[in-house]
Amino acid sequence: MAMAALALLEDIANGRIRRERVFRDHNDFLAQDDDWLISRFRFPRAVLLELCAELGPNLERETMRSHAIPVPLQVLTTLGFLATGSFQRELADRSGISQSSLSRAMPVVWDGIIRMSARYIRFPYDAFDQPNIKMQFAAIAGFPNVIGAIDCTHIAIKAPSEEEFAYVNRKHFHSINVQIICDAQMRLTNIVARWPGSTHDSYILTNSMVGMRLQAGRVRDGWLLGDRGYPLKTWLLTPLTNPQTDRERRYNNAHSRTRSVVERVIGQLKCRWRCLDRTGGMLLYRPDKVCRIVLACGVLHNVAHRHGIPLGEVAAPPDDPDPGPIYVQPNQQAVHARQHVIATI
């Protein structure tokens, strides 16, 4: 009764189009081995079952036909889209359902995944959560007191019908600029997906919940590491623009090595969920839908991480910091904090 999830996966792999619209028992695809399932859906059988069980109550609903789209099919088709970025029509044909049904089903699945975010994505505001995170960051290059690495990445979209110019980024394509903060174990601790591509990285941080709470002193002993696109803060350390001494060069080197974890996270996110990667084209949805897709992928990144699902070696994207904001004189506390690290690293 659950649709031909097996056929969906076979067709994604082999490029066949399944014309008949016949629902099969979902045990068909569960009988496949985990390597095969991971290659198509990014998750092994046990995790797929967990996701179907958790999302099921929101996905089971009546339709005008005799049967609703089975929950496993809704979940698998959505994961297949996120993993490959395939067009809806192609996925619908391969799944044996109509494009309109798929178009209605996928946003419900995205939203269900987003509702899981409170359990999977948490920023370490509390001192109780910070010691292990600081220790793991320090193990990379000896940089002390780090509670997160931050960067932004652009997700390509089609030109929107409203305020089109606001979405053109500095690389001259339309995008959503997405803020990512992670820990040393490559878990997302914050993701912000709501700003047009022309928005500066530092503006996104300043207007994010994390940025406002850190600025208000929510964390007393710890800082983020950001690139030159961010202003120096007591809670955000940046590299020196022109290091002059050996100590300053050591500081910049340790900063770069430690912060690079967020670049690798972005690489993993786009490699596992190819719909986010510009090499596969652009997302052909309104900006608000693209933001929901990005948030869902962020939650799924941490789900995969929690279950230790392998991805293979992923190259970090090249470091390409947003040009710094209009110069603002950093306060002396921020300068002192950075100088203290330079003196002790």
C-alpha atoms as a PDB file:
ATOM      1  CA  MET A   1       0.000   0.000   0.000  1.00  0.00           C
ATOM      2  CA  ALA A   2       2.937   2.323   0.400  1.00  0.00           C
ATOM      3  CA  MET A   3       3.985   3.430  -3.067  1.00  0.00           C
ATOM      4  CA  ALA A   4       6.804   1.951  -5.072  1.00  0.00           C
ATOM      5  CA  ALA A   5       9.556   3.461  -3.003  1.00  0.00           C
ATOM      6  CA  LEU A   6      11.846   0.788  -4.373  1.00  0.00           C
ATOM      7  CA  ALA A   7      10.980   1.800  -7.919  1.00  0.00           C
ATOM      8  CA  LEU A   8      11.583   5.437  -7.010  1.00  0.00           C
ATOM      9  CA  LEU A   9      15.087   4.653  -5.852  1.00  0.00           C
ATOM     10  CA  GLU A  10      15.838   2.355  -8.783  1.00  0.00           C
ATOM     11  CA  ASP A  11      14.649   4.997 -11.214  1.00  0.00           C
ATOM     12  CA  ILE A  12      16.697   7.735  -9.554  1.00  0.00           C
ATOM     13  CA  ALA A  13      19.720   5.481  -9.882  1.00  0.00           C
ATOM     14  CA  ASN A  14      19.049   4.163 -13.397  1.00  0.00           C
ATOM     15  CA  GLY A  15      17.198   7.039 -15.048  1.00  0.00           C
ATOM     16  CA  ARG A  16      14.054   5.036 -15.808  1.00  0.00           C
ATOM     17  CA  ILE A  17      10.589   6.553 -15.669  1.00  0.00           C
ATOM     18  CA  ARG A  18       7.940   4.475 -13.969  1.00  0.00           C
ATOM     19  CA  ARG A  19       4.673   5.165 -15.789  1.00  0.00           C
ATOM     20  CA  GLU A  20       2.200   3.114 -13.778  1.00  0.00           C
ATOM     21  CA  ARG A  21       0.950   4.592 -10.549  1.00  0.00           C
ATOM     22  CA  VAL A  22       0.873   1.558  -8.303  1.00  0.00           C
ATOM     23  CA  PHE A  23       1.475   1.633  -4.571  1.00  0.00           C
ATOM     24  CA  ARG A  24       3.626  -1.179  -3.239  1.00  0.00           C
ATOM     25  CA  ASP A  25       4.313  -2.442   0.261  1.00  0.00           C
ATOM     26  CA  HIS A  26       6.983  -0.254   1.837  1.00  0.00           C
ATOM     27  CA  ASN A  27       8.841  -3.405   2.883  1.00  0.00           C
ATOM     28  CA  ASP A  28      10.126  -3.453  -0.716  1.00  0.00           C
ATOM     29  CA  PHE A  29      12.569  -0.642  -0.056  1.00  0.00           C
ATOM     30  CA  LEU A  30      13.214  -1.635   3.564  1.00  0.00           C
ATOM     31  CA  ALA A  31      14.530  -4.930   2.256  1.00  0.00           C
ATOM     32  CA  GLN A  32      17.407  -3.111   0.579  1.00  0.00           C
ATOM     33  CA  ASP A  33      20.746  -2.799   2.368  1.00  0.00           C
ATOM     34  CA  ASP A  34      21.735   0.351   4.202  1.00  0.00           C
ATOM     35  CA  ASP A  35      24.451   1.358   1.739  1.00  0.00           C
ATOM     36  CA  TRP A  36      21.889   1.396  -1.030  1.00  0.00           C
ATOM     37  CA  LEU A  37      19.392   3.402   1.028  1.00  0.00           C
ATOM     38  CA  ILE A  38      22.046   5.913   2.112  1.00  0.00           C
ATOM     39  CA  SER A  39      23.118   6.436  -1.503  1.00  0.00           C
ATOM     40  CA  ARG A  40      19.531   7.369  -2.464  1.00  0.00           C
ATOM     41  CA  PHE A  41      18.005   8.854   0.665  1.00  0.00           C
ATOM     42  CA  ARG A  42      21.083   9.641   2.798  1.00  0.00           C
ATOM     43  CA  PHE A  43      19.803   7.514   5.697  1.00  0.00           C
ATOM     44  CA  PRO A  44      19.859   3.815   6.609  1.00  0.00           C
ATOM     45  CA  ARG A  45      16.715   1.809   7.211  1.00  0.00           C
ATOM     46  CA  ALA A  46      16.537   2.362  10.976  1.00  0.00           C
ATOM     47  CA  VAL A  47      16.726   6.149  10.640  1.00  0.00           C
ATOM     48  CA  LEU A  48      14.201   6.192   7.790  1.00  0.00           C
ATOM     49  CA  LEU A  49      11.789   4.292  10.015  1.00  0.00           C
ATOM     50  CA  GLU A  50      12.355   6.776  12.836  1.00  0.00           C
ATOM     51  CA  LEU A  51      11.700   9.717  10.527  1.00  0.00           C
ATOM     52  CA  CYS A  52       8.532   8.139   9.134  1.00  0.00           C
ATOM     53  CA  ALA A  53       7.270   7.414  12.654  1.00  0.00           C
ATOM     54  CA  GLU A  54       8.016  10.926  13.888  1.00  0.00           C
ATOM     55  CA  LEU A  55       6.629  12.727  10.861  1.00  0.00           C
ATOM     56  CA  GLY A  56       3.705  10.355  10.325  1.00  0.00           C
ATOM     57  CA  PRO A  57       1.049  12.051  12.482  1.00  0.00           C
ATOM     58  CA  ASN A  58       1.370  15.272  10.463  1.00  0.00           C
ATOM     59  CA  LEU A  59       1.511  13.523   7.117  1.00  0.00           C
ATOM     60  CA  GLU A  60      -1.415  11.109   7.421  1.00  0.00           C
ATOM     61  CA  ARG A  61      -4.441  12.919   6.099  1.00  0.00           C
ATOM     62  CA  GLU A  62      -7.502  12.242   4.003  1.00  0.00           C
ATOM     63  CA  THR A  63      -7.547  12.920   0.277  1.00  0.00           C
ATOM     64  CA  MET A  64     -10.258  12.967  -2.356  1.00  0.00           C
ATOM     65  CA  ARG A  65      -8.973   9.605  -3.618  1.00  0.00           C
ATOM     66  CA  SER A  66      -9.389   6.249  -1.943  1.00  0.00           C
ATOM     67  CA  HIS A  67      -5.911   6.386  -0.438  1.00  0.00           C
ATOM     68  CA  ALA A  68      -3.696   9.153   0.863  1.00  0.00           C
ATOM     69  CA  ILE A  69      -0.071   9.195  -0.275  1.00  0.00           C
ATOM     70  CA  PRO A  70       1.607   6.771   2.138  1.00  0.00           C
ATOM     71  CA  VAL A  71       3.866   8.374   4.725  1.00  0.00           C
ATOM     72  CA  PRO A  72       6.975   6.445   3.585  1.00  0.00           C
ATOM     73  CA  LEU A  73       6.453   7.695   0.050  1.00  0.00           C
ATOM     74  CA  GLN A  74       6.061  11.310   1.184  1.00  0.00           C
ATOM     75  CA  VAL A  75       9.200  11.112   3.305  1.00  0.00           C
ATOM     76  CA  LEU A  76      11.278   9.227   0.743  1.00  0.00           C
ATOM     77  CA  THR A  77      10.290  11.412  -2.175  1.00  0.00           C
ATOM     78  CA  THR A  78      11.121  14.535  -0.189  1.00  0.00           C
ATOM     79  CA  LEU A  79      14.470  13.108   0.900  1.00  0.00           C
ATOM     80  CA  GLY A  80      15.133  12.092  -2.696  1.00  0.00           C
ATOM     81  CA  PHE A  81      14.500  15.655  -3.814  1.00  0.00           C
ATOM     82  CA  LEU A  82      16.732  17.130  -1.109  1.00  0.00           C
ATOM     83  CA  ALA A  83      19.473  14.622  -1.893  1.00  0.00           C
ATOM     84  CA  THR A  84      19.427  15.139  -5.670  1.00  0.00           C
ATOM     85  CA  GLY A  85      17.659  18.410  -6.437  1.00  0.00           C
ATOM     86  CA  SER A  86      15.645  16.626  -9.161  1.00  0.00           C
ATOM     87  CA  PHE A  87      12.674  18.413 -10.705  1.00  0.00           C
ATOM     88  CA  GLN A  88       9.274  17.756  -9.144  1.00  0.00           C
ATOM     89  CA  ARG A  89       7.812  16.404 -12.390  1.00  0.00           C
ATOM     90  CA  GLU A  90      10.642  13.906 -12.754  1.00  0.00           C
ATOM     91  CA  LEU A  91      10.315  12.754  -9.140  1.00  0.00           C
ATOM     92  CA  ALA A  92       6.530  12.523  -9.440  1.00  0.00           C
ATOM     93  CA  ASP A  93       6.735  10.410 -12.597  1.00  0.00           C
ATOM     94  CA  ARG A  94       9.255   8.098 -10.998  1.00  0.00           C
ATOM     95  CA  SER A  95       7.125   7.832  -7.858  1.00  0.00           C
ATOM     96  CA  GLY A  96       3.863   7.096  -9.629  1.00  0.00           C
ATOM     97  CA  ILE A  97       2.069  10.125  -8.188  1.00  0.00           C
ATOM     98  CA  SER A  98       0.961  13.378  -9.732  1.00  0.00           C
ATOM     99  CA  GLN A  99       3.160  16.429  -9.662  1.00  0.00           C
ATOM    100  CA  SER A 100       0.424  18.380  -7.897  1.00  0.00           C
ATOM    101  CA  SER A 101       0.249  15.758  -5.140  1.00  0.00           C
ATOM    102  CA  LEU A 102       4.010  15.842  -4.735  1.00  0.00           C
ATOM    103  CA  SER A 103       3.971  19.648  -4.702  1.00  0.00           C
ATOM    104  CA  ARG A 104       1.490  19.577  -1.814  1.00  0.00           C
ATOM    105  CA  ALA A 105       3.259  16.804   0.080  1.00  0.00           C
ATOM    106  CA  MET A 106       6.844  18.045   0.153  1.00  0.00           C
ATOM    107  CA  PRO A 107       6.276  21.334   2.044  1.00  0.00           C
ATOM    108  CA  VAL A 108       4.403  19.429   4.741  1.00  0.00           C
ATOM    109  CA  VAL A 109       7.409  17.133   5.131  1.00  0.00           C
ATOM    110  CA  TRP A 110       9.824  20.100   5.228  1.00  0.00           C
ATOM    111  CA  ASP A 111       7.764  21.777   7.913  1.00  0.00           C
ATOM    112  CA  GLY A 112       7.587  18.586   9.945  1.00  0.00           C
ATOM    113  CA  ILE A 113      11.369  18.288   9.818  1.00  0.00           C
ATOM    114  CA  ILE A 114      11.778  21.941  10.819  1.00  0.00           C
ATOM    115  CA  ARG A 115       9.611  21.314  13.880  1.00  0.00           C
ATOM    116  CA  MET A 116      12.263  18.843  15.022  1.00  0.00           C
ATOM    117  CA  SER A 117      14.917  21.580  15.106  1.00  0.00           C
ATOM    118  CA  ALA A 118      14.642  22.341  18.840  1.00  0.00           C
ATOM    119  CA  ARG A 119      15.910  18.836  19.580  1.00  0.00           C
ATOM    120  CA  TYR A 120      18.681  18.792  17.017  1.00  0.00           C
ATOM    121  CA  ILE A 121      20.040  22.348  16.739  1.00  0.00           C
ATOM    122  CA  ARG A 122      20.977  24.086  20.000  1.00  0.00           C
ATOM    123  CA  PHE A 123      23.411  26.912  20.646  1.00  0.00           C
ATOM    124  CA  PRO A 124      25.588  26.431  23.774  1.00  0.00           C
ATOM    125  CA  TYR A 125      24.539  29.501  25.752  1.00  0.00           C
ATOM    126  CA  ASP A 126      24.872  27.790  29.130  1.00  0.00           C
ATOM    127  CA  ALA A 127      28.205  27.216  30.844  1.00  0.00           C
ATOM    128  CA  PHE A 128      27.232  23.576  31.399  1.00  0.00           C
ATOM    129  CA  ASP A 129      27.239  22.957  27.623  1.00  0.00           C
ATOM    130  CA  GLN A 130      30.513  24.712  26.852  1.00  0.00           C
ATOM    131  CA  PRO A 131      33.510  22.837  28.361  1.00  0.00           C
ATOM    132  CA  ASN A 132      33.502  19.931  25.877  1.00  0.00           C
ATOM    133  CA  ILE A 133      32.948  22.275  22.941  1.00  0.00           C
ATOM    134  CA  LYS A 134      35.860  24.492  24.015  1.00  0.00           C
ATOM    135  CA  MET A 135      38.103  21.474  24.564  1.00  0.00           C
ATOM    136  CA  GLN A 136      37.299  20.044  21.134  1.00  0.00           C
ATOM    137  CA  PHE A 137      37.992  23.367  19.405  1.00  0.00           C
ATOM    138  CA  ALA A 138      41.238  23.823  21.370  1.00  0.00           C
ATOM    139  CA  ALA A 139      42.384  20.380  20.227  1.00  0.00           C
ATOM    140  CA  ILE A 140      42.448  21.605  16.609  1.00  0.00           C
ATOM    141  CA  ALA A 141      45.096  24.307  16.922  1.00  0.00           C
ATOM    142  CA  GLY A 142      45.257  25.408  20.555  1.00  0.00           C
ATOM    143  CA  PHE A 143      42.795  28.294  20.192  1.00  0.00           C
ATOM    144  CA  PRO A 144      41.123  28.796  23.595  1.00  0.00           C
ATOM    145  CA  ASN A 145      37.528  29.471  24.681  1.00  0.00           C
ATOM    146  CA  VAL A 146      35.857  28.896  21.310  1.00  0.00           C
ATOM    147  CA  ILE A 147      32.148  28.021  21.463  1.00  0.00           C
ATOM    148  CA  GLY A 148      31.438  28.162  17.734  1.00  0.00           C
ATOM    149  CA  ALA A 149      32.707  28.893  14.229  1.00  0.00           C
ATOM    150  CA  ILE A 150      30.568  31.099  11.997  1.00  0.00           C
ATOM    151  CA  ASP A 151      30.260  31.748   8.284  1.00  0.00           C
ATOM    152  CA  CYS A 152      27.608  32.404   5.659  1.00  0.00           C
ATOM    153  CA  THR A 153      26.911  30.598   2.403  1.00  0.00           C
ATOM    154  CA  HIS A 154      24.787  31.437  -0.621  1.00  0.00           C
ATOM    155  CA  ILE A 155      21.995  29.156  -1.849  1.00  0.00           C
ATOM    156  CA  ALA A 156      21.184  29.878  -5.494  1.00  0.00           C
ATOM    157  CA  ILE A 157      17.544  30.588  -6.376  1.00  0.00           C
ATOM    158  CA  LYS A 158      15.624  31.705  -9.441  1.00  0.00           C
ATOM    159  CA  ALA A 159      15.026  35.443  -9.724  1.00  0.00           C
ATOM    160  CA  PRO A 160      12.014  36.227  -7.501  1.00  0.00           C
ATOM    161  CA  SER A 161       9.122  38.260  -8.813  1.00  0.00           C
ATOM    162  CA  GLU A 162       9.331  40.806  -5.974  1.00  0.00           C
ATOM    163  CA  GLU A 163      12.372  42.811  -4.834  1.00  0.00           C
ATOM    164  CA  GLU A 164      14.482  40.884  -7.331  1.00  0.00           C
ATOM    165  CA  PHE A 165      17.477  43.203  -6.965  1.00  0.00           C
ATOM    166  CA  ALA A 166      17.773  42.475  -3.227  1.00  0.00           C
ATOM    167  CA  TYR A 167      18.577  38.826  -3.970  1.00  0.00           C
ATOM    168  CA  VAL A 168      21.525  39.528  -6.261  1.00  0.00           C
ATOM    169  CA  ASN A 169      24.682  38.791  -4.260  1.00  0.00           C
ATOM    170  CA  ARG A 170      28.194  40.119  -4.762  1.00  0.00           C
ATOM    171  CA  LYS A 171      28.899  37.241  -7.161  1.00  0.00           C
ATOM    172  CA  HIS A 172      26.028  38.431  -9.337  1.00  0.00           C
ATOM    173  CA  PHE A 173      23.556  35.570  -8.939  1.00  0.00           C
ATOM    174  CA  HIS A 174      20.284  35.417  -7.017  1.00  0.00           C
ATOM    175  CA  SER A 175      20.524  33.723  -3.648  1.00  0.00           C
ATOM    176  CA  ILE A 176      19.546  33.381  -0.021  1.00  0.00           C
ATOM    177  CA  ASN A 177      22.449  34.212   2.301  1.00  0.00           C
ATOM    178  CA  VAL A 178      22.434  31.568   5.045  1.00  0.00           C
ATOM    179  CA  GLN A 179      24.229  31.888   8.390  1.00  0.00           C
ATOM    180  CA  ILE A 180      25.848  28.736   9.774  1.00  0.00           C
ATOM    181  CA  ILE A 181      27.390  28.264  13.234  1.00  0.00           C
ATOM    182  CA  CYS A 182      28.866  24.906  14.186  1.00  0.00           C
ATOM    183  CA  ASP A 183      30.898  23.183  16.869  1.00  0.00           C
ATOM    184  CA  ALA A 184      34.199  21.353  16.432  1.00  0.00           C
ATOM    185  CA  GLN A 185      32.387  18.061  15.794  1.00  0.00           C
ATOM    186  CA  MET A 186      30.695  19.603  12.739  1.00  0.00           C
ATOM    187  CA  ARG A 187      27.255  19.799  14.337  1.00  0.00           C
ATOM    188  CA  LEU A 188      25.133  22.827  13.480  1.00  0.00           C
ATOM    189  CA  THR A 189      24.391  24.935  16.543  1.00  0.00           C
ATOM    190  CA  ASN A 190      22.621  27.708  14.636  1.00  0.00           C
ATOM    191  CA  ILE A 191      21.234  28.224  11.147  1.00  0.00           C
ATOM    192  CA  VAL A 192      19.540  31.379   9.884  1.00  0.00           C
ATOM    193  CA  ALA A 193      17.868  31.234   6.468  1.00  0.00           C
ATOM    194  CA  ARG A 194      15.744  34.271   5.737  1.00  0.00           C
ATOM    195  CA  TRP A 195      17.921  37.008   4.228  1.00  0.00           C
ATOM    196  CA  PRO A 196      18.301  37.963   0.522  1.00  0.00           C
ATOM    197  CA  GLY A 197      21.666  37.378  -1.111  1.00  0.00           C
ATOM    198  CA  SER A 198      22.713  41.030  -1.011  1.00  0.00           C
ATOM    199  CA  THR A 199      22.569  41.073   2.804  1.00  0.00           C
ATOM    200  CA  HIS A 200      25.973  41.357   4.467  1.00  0.00           C
ATOM    201  CA  ASP A 201      27.121  38.500   6.696  1.00  0.00           C
ATOM    202  CA  SER A 202      27.669  40.782   9.670  1.00  0.00           C
ATOM    203  CA  TYR A 203      24.169  42.258   9.337  1.00  0.00           C
ATOM    204  CA  ILE A 204      22.663  38.770   9.479  1.00  0.00           C
ATOM    205  CA  LEU A 205      24.576  37.986  12.668  1.00  0.00           C
ATOM    206  CA  THR A 206      23.703  41.318  14.287  1.00  0.00           C
ATOM    207  CA  ASN A 207      20.007  40.736  13.655  1.00  0.00           C
ATOM    208  CA  SER A 208      19.968  37.049  14.570  1.00  0.00           C
ATOM    209  CA  MET A 209      18.862  35.727  17.948  1.00  0.00           C
ATOM    210  CA  VAL A 210      22.368  34.409  18.633  1.00  0.00           C
ATOM    211  CA  GLY A 211      23.967  37.750  17.772  1.00  0.00           C
ATOM    212  CA  MET A 212      21.549  39.737  19.918  1.00  0.00           C
ATOM    213  CA  ARG A 213      21.946  37.403  22.890  1.00  0.00           C
ATOM    214  CA  LEU A 214      25.740  37.404  22.684  1.00  0.00           C
ATOM    215  CA  GLN A 215      25.778  41.183  22.400  1.00  0.00           C
ATOM    216  CA  ALA A 216      23.585  41.356  25.502  1.00  0.00           C
ATOM    217  CA  GLY A 217      26.123  39.296  27.464  1.00  0.00           C
ATOM    218  CA  ARG A 218      24.288  35.966  27.464  1.00  0.00           C
ATOM    219  CA  VAL A 219      27.671  34.171  27.277  1.00  0.00           C
ATOM    220  CA  ARG A 220      30.267  35.500  29.712  1.00  0.00           C
ATOM    221  CA  ASP A 221      33.247  33.323  28.859  1.00  0.00           C
ATOM    222  CA  GLY A 222      33.558  32.247  25.242  1.00  0.00           C
ATOM    223  CA  TRP A 223      33.566  33.540  21.686  1.00  0.00           C
ATOM    224  CA  LEU A 224      32.795  32.733  18.105  1.00  0.00           C
ATOM    225  CA  LEU A 225      35.451  32.732  15.396  1.00  0.00           C
ATOM    226  CA  GLY A 226      34.551  34.620  12.240  1.00  0.00           C
ATOM    227  CA  ASP A 227      36.388  35.732   9.117  1.00  0.00           C
ATOM    228  CA  ARG A 228      37.274  39.271   8.060  1.00  0.00           C
ATOM    229  CA  GLY A 229      33.676  39.887   6.998  1.00  0.00           C
ATOM    230  CA  TYR A 230      32.721  40.323  10.670  1.00  0.00           C
ATOM    231  CA  PRO A 231      33.626  43.125  13.076  1.00  0.00           C
ATOM    232  CA  LEU A 232      35.787  42.336  16.102  1.00  0.00           C
ATOM    233  CA  LYS A 233      33.699  41.873  19.257  1.00  0.00           C
ATOM    234  CA  THR A 234      34.379  40.647  22.758  1.00  0.00           C
ATOM    235  CA  TRP A 235      32.345  37.575  21.778  1.00  0.00           C
ATOM    236  CA  LEU A 236      33.574  37.330  18.149  1.00  0.00           C
ATOM    237  CA  LEU A 237      37.275  37.124  17.342  1.00  0.00           C
ATOM    238  CA  THR A 238      38.468  37.807  13.814  1.00  0.00           C
ATOM    239  CA  PRO A 239      41.890  37.470  12.137  1.00  0.00           C
ATOM    240  CA  LEU A 240      44.371  40.311  12.006  1.00  0.00           C
ATOM    241  CA  THR A 241      44.379  42.079   8.660  1.00  0.00           C
ATOM    242  CA  ASN A 242      48.155  42.613   8.585  1.00  0.00           C
ATOM    243  CA  PRO A 243      49.975  40.420  11.114  1.00  0.00           C
ATOM    244  CA  GLN A 244      53.430  41.808  11.847  1.00  0.00           C
ATOM    245  CA  THR A 245      55.004  39.541  14.441  1.00  0.00           C
ATOM    246  CA  ASP A 246      55.480  35.793  14.795  1.00  0.00           C
ATOM    247  CA  ARG A 247      52.867  35.727  17.565  1.00  0.00           C
ATOM    248  CA  GLU A 248      50.354  37.521  15.366  1.00  0.00           C
ATOM    249  CA  ARG A 249      51.032  35.120  12.513  1.00  0.00           C
ATOM    250  CA  ARG A 250      50.607  32.163  14.878  1.00  0.00           C
ATOM    251  CA  TYR A 251      47.316  33.662  16.028  1.00  0.00           C
ATOM    252  CA  ASN A 252      46.051  34.016  12.446  1.00  0.00           C
ATOM    253  CA  ASN A 253      47.148  30.484  11.591  1.00  0.00           C
ATOM    254  CA  ALA A 254      45.436  28.987  14.653  1.00  0.00           C
ATOM    255  CA  HIS A 255      42.339  31.093  13.967  1.00  0.00           C
ATOM    256  CA  SER A 256      42.151  29.904  10.353  1.00  0.00           C
ATOM    257  CA  ARG A 257      42.674  26.238  11.187  1.00  0.00           C
ATOM    258  CA  THR A 258      40.069  26.347  13.948  1.00  0.00           C
ATOM    259  CA  ARG A 259      37.459  28.323  12.039  1.00  0.00           C
ATOM    260  CA  SER A 260      37.837  26.161   8.915  1.00  0.00           C
ATOM    261  CA  VAL A 261      35.554  23.571  10.491  1.00  0.00           C
ATOM    262  CA  VAL A 262      32.550  25.695   9.498  1.00  0.00           C
ATOM    263  CA  GLU A 263      33.704  25.695   5.875  1.00  0.00           C
ATOM    264  CA  ARG A 264      33.846  21.907   5.961  1.00  0.00           C
ATOM    265  CA  VAL A 265      30.358  21.813   7.488  1.00  0.00           C
ATOM    266  CA  ILE A 266      29.036  23.931   4.618  1.00  0.00           C
ATOM    267  CA  GLY A 267      30.740  21.551   2.196  1.00  0.00           C
ATOM    268  CA  GLN A 268      29.110  18.564   3.902  1.00  0.00           C
ATOM    269  CA  LEU A 269      25.688  20.222   3.960  1.00  0.00           C
ATOM    270  CA  LYS A 270      25.753  20.900   0.227  1.00  0.00           C
ATOM    271  CA  CYS A 271      27.283  17.535  -0.639  1.00  0.00           C
ATOM    272  CA  ARG A 272      24.711  15.491   1.300  1.00  0.00           C
ATOM    273  CA  TRP A 273      21.772  17.660   0.199  1.00  0.00           C
ATOM    274  CA  ARG A 274      22.601  18.433  -3.416  1.00  0.00           C
ATOM    275  CA  CYS A 275      19.548  20.643  -3.867  1.00  0.00           C
ATOM    276  CA  LEU A 276      21.548  23.321  -2.000  1.00  0.00           C
ATOM    277  CA  ASP A 277      24.596  23.131  -4.259  1.00  0.00           C
ATOM    278  CA  ARG A 278      24.786  25.582  -7.115  1.00  0.00           C
ATOM    279  CA  THR A 279      26.603  23.026  -9.297  1.00  0.00           C
ATOM    280  CA  GLY A 280      23.270  21.222  -9.527  1.00  0.00           C
ATOM    281  CA  GLY A 281      21.463  24.369 -10.666  1.00  0.00           C
ATOM    282  CA  MET A 282      19.225  26.621  -8.626  1.00  0.00           C
ATOM    283  CA  LEU A 283      16.154  26.065  -6.476  1.00  0.00           C
ATOM    284  CA  LEU A 284      13.095  26.984  -8.513  1.00  0.00           C
ATOM    285  CA  TYR A 285      10.933  28.097  -5.615  1.00  0.00           C
ATOM    286  CA  ARG A 286       9.881  31.332  -3.965  1.00  0.00           C
ATOM    287  CA  PRO A 287      12.402  32.646  -1.421  1.00  0.00           C
ATOM    288  CA  ASP A 288      10.220  31.671   1.549  1.00  0.00           C
ATOM    289  CA  LYS A 289      10.066  28.058   0.354  1.00  0.00           C
ATOM    290  CA  VAL A 290      13.804  27.981  -0.271  1.00  0.00           C
ATOM    291  CA  CYS A 291      14.381  29.136   3.305  1.00  0.00           C
ATOM    292  CA  ARG A 292      12.244  26.252   4.586  1.00  0.00           C
ATOM    293  CA  ILE A 293      14.177  23.783   2.431  1.00  0.00           C
ATOM    294  CA  VAL A 294      17.464  25.091   3.841  1.00  0.00           C
ATOM    295  CA  LEU A 295      16.245  24.837   7.434  1.00  0.00           C
ATOM    296  CA  ALA A 296      15.022  21.279   6.864  1.00  0.00           C
ATOM    297  CA  CYS A 297      18.401  20.324   5.406  1.00  0.00           C
ATOM    298  CA  GLY A 298      20.093  21.830   8.469  1.00  0.00           C
ATOM    299  CA  VAL A 299      18.046  19.652  10.802  1.00  0.00           C
ATOM    300  CA  LEU A 300      18.721  16.576   8.658  1.00  0.00           C
ATOM    301  CA  HIS A 301      22.458  17.348   8.706  1.00  0.00           C
ATOM    302  CA  ASN A 302      22.409  17.007  12.486  1.00  0.00           C
ATOM    303  CA  VAL A 303      20.199  13.918  12.334  1.00  0.00           C
ATOM    304  CA  ALA A 304      22.801  12.285  10.085  1.00  0.00           C
ATOM    305  CA  HIS A 305      25.594  13.427  12.381  1.00  0.00           C
ATOM    306  CA  ARG A 306      23.885  12.086  15.503  1.00  0.00           C
ATOM    307  CA  HIS A 307      23.551   8.675  13.872  1.00  0.00           C
ATOM    308  CA  GLY A 308      27.118   8.693  12.542  1.00  0.00           C
ATOM    309  CA  ILE A 309      26.065   8.295   8.917  1.00  0.00           C
ATOM    310  CA  PRO A 310      29.124   8.434   6.650  1.00  0.00           C
ATOM    311  CA  LEU A 311      29.442  10.886   3.805  1.00  0.00           C
ATOM    312  CA  GLY A 312      32.993  10.343   2.627  1.00  0.00           C
ATOM    313  CA  GLU A 313      35.657  12.964   2.175  1.00  0.00           C
ATOM    314  CA  VAL A 314      34.262  16.390   1.340  1.00  0.00           C
ATOM    315  CA  ALA A 315      36.448  19.279   0.271  1.00  0.00           C
ATOM    316  CA  ALA A 316      35.750  22.556   2.030  1.00  0.00           C
ATOM    317  CA  PRO A 317      34.680  25.384  -0.291  1.00  0.00           C
ATOM    318  CA  PRO A 318      37.370  28.014  -0.801  1.00  0.00           C
ATOM    319  CA  ASP A 319      37.553  30.706   1.846  1.00  0.00           C
ATOM    320  CA  ASP A 320      35.908  33.769   0.327  1.00  0.00           C
ATOM    321  CA  PRO A 321      35.020  36.194   3.107  1.00  0.00           C
ATOM    322  CA  ASP A 322      32.418  38.851   2.603  1.00  0.00           C
ATOM    323  CA  PRO A 323      34.202  42.186   2.285  1.00  0.00           C
ATOM    324  CA  GLY A 324      34.262  43.775   5.711  1.00  0.00           C
ATOM    325  CA  PRO A 325      31.482  46.154   6.711  1.00  0.00           C
ATOM    326  CA  ILE A 326      31.990  49.883   6.882  1.00  0.00           C
ATOM    327  CA  TYR A 327      34.810  50.263   9.369  1.00  0.00           C
ATOM    328  CA  VAL A 328      33.718  50.593  12.975  1.00  0.00           C
ATOM    329  CA  GLN A 329      36.309  51.210  15.656  1.00  0.00           C
ATOM    330  CA  PRO A 330      36.287  48.081  17.852  1.00  0.00           C
ATOM    331  CA  ASN A 331      35.901  48.719  21.558  1.00  0.00           C
ATOM    332  CA  GLN A 332      38.961  48.311  23.734  1.00  0.00           C
ATOM    333  CA  GLN A 333      37.596  45.244  25.478  1.00  0.00           C
ATOM    334  CA  ALA A 334      37.445  43.418  22.147  1.00  0.00           C
ATOM    335  CA  VAL A 335      40.960  44.539  21.227  1.00  0.00           C
ATOM    336  CA  HIS A 336      42.221  43.432  24.637  1.00  0.00           C
ATOM    337  CA  ALA A 337      40.543  40.023  24.305  1.00  0.00           C
ATOM    338  CA  ARG A 338      42.241  39.387  20.992  1.00  0.00           C
ATOM    339  CA  GLN A 339      45.599  40.657  22.255  1.00  0.00           C
ATOM    340  CA  HIS A 340      45.363  38.305  25.214  1.00  0.00           C
ATOM    341  CA  VAL A 341      44.876  35.335  22.893  1.00  0.00           C
ATOM    342  CA  ILE A 342      47.746  36.507  20.690  1.00  0.00           C
ATOM    343  CA  ALA A 343      50.012  36.648  23.757  1.00  0.00           C
ATOM    344  CA  THR A 344      49.069  33.204  25.030  1.00  0.00           C
ATOM    345  CA  ILE A 345      48.397  31.018  22.003  1.00  0.00           C
END
